[in-house]
C-alpha atoms as a PDB file:
ATOM      1  CA  MET A   1     -82.633   2.568  30.498  1.00  0.00           C
ATOM      2  CA  GLU A   2     -79.624   1.184  28.520  1.00  0.00           C
ATOM      3  CA  LYS A   3     -79.154   2.781  25.092  1.00  0.00           C
ATOM      4  CA  ARG A   4     -77.296   0.737  22.331  1.00  0.00           C
ATOM      5  CA  ALA A   5     -75.829   1.500  19.246  1.00  0.00           C
ATOM      6  CA  ASN A   6     -74.625  -0.989  16.419  1.00  0.00           C
ATOM      7  CA  LEU A   7     -71.853   0.735  14.508  1.00  0.00           C
ATOM      8  CA  LEU A   8     -69.961  -0.372  11.400  1.00  0.00           C
ATOM      9  CA  TYR A   9     -66.382   0.226  11.465  1.00  0.00           C
ATOM     10  CA  ARG A  10     -64.375   0.375   8.295  1.00  0.00           C
ATOM     11  CA  GLN A  11     -61.248  -1.910   8.495  1.00  0.00           C
ATOM     12  CA  ARG A  12     -58.265   0.114   8.403  1.00  0.00           C
ATOM     13  CA  ALA A  13     -56.223  -0.004   5.256  1.00  0.00           C
ATOM     14  CA  SER A  14     -52.533   0.580   5.046  1.00  0.00           C
ATOM     15  CA  SER A  15     -51.698   4.521   4.415  1.00  0.00           C
ATOM     16  CA  THR A  16     -50.541   3.184   0.898  1.00  0.00           C
ATOM     17  CA  SER A  17     -53.668   1.555  -0.098  1.00  0.00           C
ATOM     18  CA  SER A  18     -55.752   4.748   1.134  1.00  0.00           C
ATOM     19  CA  ALA A  19     -53.459   6.946  -0.686  1.00  0.00           C
ATOM     20  CA  ILE A  20     -53.925   4.873  -3.870  1.00  0.00           C
ATOM     21  CA  ASN A  21     -57.623   5.000  -3.465  1.00  0.00           C
ATOM     22  CA  LEU A  22     -57.835   8.699  -3.018  1.00  0.00           C
ATOM     23  CA  GLU A  23     -55.567   8.948  -6.268  1.00  0.00           C
ATOM     24  CA  ASN A  24     -58.266   6.840  -8.029  1.00  0.00           C
ATOM     25  CA  ALA A  25     -61.078   8.796  -6.625  1.00  0.00           C
ATOM     26  CA  ASN A  26     -59.360  12.090  -7.748  1.00  0.00           C
ATOM     27  CA  ARG A  27     -58.758  10.675 -11.185  1.00  0.00           C
ATOM     28  CA  LEU A  28     -62.284   9.759 -11.906  1.00  0.00           C
ATOM     29  CA  LEU A  29     -63.615  13.172 -10.589  1.00  0.00           C
ATOM     30  CA  ARG A  30     -60.917  14.998 -12.767  1.00  0.00           C
ATOM     31  CA  TRP A  31     -62.589  13.038 -15.701  1.00  0.00           C
ATOM     32  CA  TYR A  32     -65.662  15.345 -15.112  1.00  0.00           C
ATOM     33  CA  LEU A  33     -63.992  18.386 -13.580  1.00  0.00           C
ATOM     34  CA  PRO A  34     -60.386  19.082 -14.990  1.00  0.00           C
ATOM     35  CA  LYS A  35     -58.056  21.036 -12.842  1.00  0.00           C
ATOM     36  CA  GLN A  36     -58.246  24.025 -15.273  1.00  0.00           C
ATOM     37  CA  SER A  37     -62.055  24.208 -14.467  1.00  0.00           C
ATOM     38  CA  SER A  38     -63.899  25.655 -11.549  1.00  0.00           C
ATOM     39  CA  ILE A  39     -66.539  24.116  -9.672  1.00  0.00           C
ATOM     40  CA  GLU A  40     -68.125  27.462  -9.184  1.00  0.00           C
ATOM     41  CA  ASN A  41     -69.065  27.383 -12.930  1.00  0.00           C
ATOM     42  CA  SER A  42     -71.055  24.103 -12.413  1.00  0.00           C
ATOM     43  CA  THR A  43     -74.768  23.930 -11.707  1.00  0.00           C
ATOM     44  CA  GLN A  44     -76.490  21.963  -8.959  1.00  0.00           C
ATOM     45  CA  GLN A  45     -77.578  19.589 -11.956  1.00  0.00           C
ATOM     46  CA  ASP A  46     -74.073  19.328 -13.118  1.00  0.00           C
ATOM     47  CA  ILE A  47     -72.847  18.031  -9.834  1.00  0.00           C
ATOM     48  CA  GLU A  48     -75.794  15.654  -9.250  1.00  0.00           C
ATOM     49  CA  MET A  49     -74.949  14.229 -12.733  1.00  0.00           C
ATOM     50  CA  ILE A  50     -71.395  13.811 -11.653  1.00  0.00           C
ATOM     51  CA  VAL A  51     -72.189  11.953  -8.347  1.00  0.00           C
ATOM     52  CA  ASP A  52     -74.638   9.890 -10.075  1.00  0.00           C
ATOM     53  CA  LYS A  53     -72.106   8.738 -12.631  1.00  0.00           C
ATOM     54  CA  LEU A  54     -69.561   8.276 -10.002  1.00  0.00           C
ATOM     55  CA  ASN A  55     -71.671   6.158  -7.607  1.00  0.00           C
ATOM     56  CA  ASN A  56     -73.109   4.007 -10.451  1.00  0.00           C
ATOM     57  CA  GLN A  57     -69.636   3.004 -12.162  1.00  0.00           C
ATOM     58  CA  PRO A  58     -68.477  -0.497 -11.615  1.00  0.00           C
ATOM     59  CA  MET A  59     -65.019  -0.496  -9.875  1.00  0.00           C
ATOM     60  CA  ARG A  60     -62.546  -3.342  -9.953  1.00  0.00           C
ATOM     61  CA  CYS A  61     -61.693  -2.779  -6.327  1.00  0.00           C
ATOM     62  CA  LEU A  62     -65.217  -3.703  -5.505  1.00  0.00           C
ATOM     63  CA  ASP A  63     -65.372  -6.799  -7.768  1.00  0.00           C
ATOM     64  CA  TYR A  64     -67.089  -4.737 -10.516  1.00  0.00           C
ATOM     65  CA  LEU A  65     -69.772  -3.745  -8.326  1.00  0.00           C
ATOM     66  CA  THR A  66     -70.873   0.022  -8.030  1.00  0.00           C
ATOM     67  CA  LEU A  67     -70.581   2.261  -5.054  1.00  0.00           C
ATOM     68  CA  ASN A  68     -74.503   2.291  -4.736  1.00  0.00           C
ATOM     69  CA  GLU A  69     -74.715  -1.440  -4.927  1.00  0.00           C
ATOM     70  CA  VAL A  70     -72.340  -1.769  -1.884  1.00  0.00           C
ATOM     71  CA  PHE A  71     -73.828   0.927   0.205  1.00  0.00           C
ATOM     72  CA  TYR A  72     -77.415  -0.500  -0.307  1.00  0.00           C
ATOM     73  CA  GLU A  73     -76.116  -3.771   0.263  1.00  0.00           C
ATOM     74  CA  HIS A  74     -74.555  -3.121   3.507  1.00  0.00           C
ATOM     75  CA  ARG A  75     -77.500  -0.848   4.441  1.00  0.00           C
ATOM     76  CA  GLY A  76     -80.075  -3.529   3.971  1.00  0.00           C
ATOM     77  CA  ALA A  77     -77.684  -5.934   6.040  1.00  0.00           C
ATOM     78  CA  LEU A  78     -77.664  -3.306   9.015  1.00  0.00           C
ATOM     79  CA  LYS A  79     -81.446  -2.727   8.597  1.00  0.00           C
ATOM     80  CA  SER A  80     -82.303  -6.335   9.131  1.00  0.00           C
ATOM     81  CA  SER A  81     -79.784  -6.795  12.064  1.00  0.00           C
ATOM     82  CA  GLY A  82     -81.387  -3.783  13.693  1.00  0.00           C
ATOM     83  CA  GLY A  83     -78.396  -1.624  13.109  1.00  0.00           C
ATOM     84  CA  ILE A  84     -80.398   1.144  11.079  1.00  0.00           C
ATOM     85  CA  ARG A  85     -83.731   2.344  12.103  1.00  0.00           C
ATOM     86  CA  THR A  86     -85.712   4.264   9.596  1.00  0.00           C
END
């Protein structure tokens, strides 16, 4: 029996582009968790609120879509092509 898997590969960006994206992600995270604060003082509810806000914030690099919109758009495309089974 042959097993097959459809995989989605992220296009490799230049190291400069990746570093800029990481810096932007850190900047957004630091908006909610300043460097002087400790994540240990945050509750699970606090963390979930931060994740929700970050995942639903429109981003210029995504043509002002949110991370959730992009994720579910690609997830839907993969499901319809048989790449994801639920």
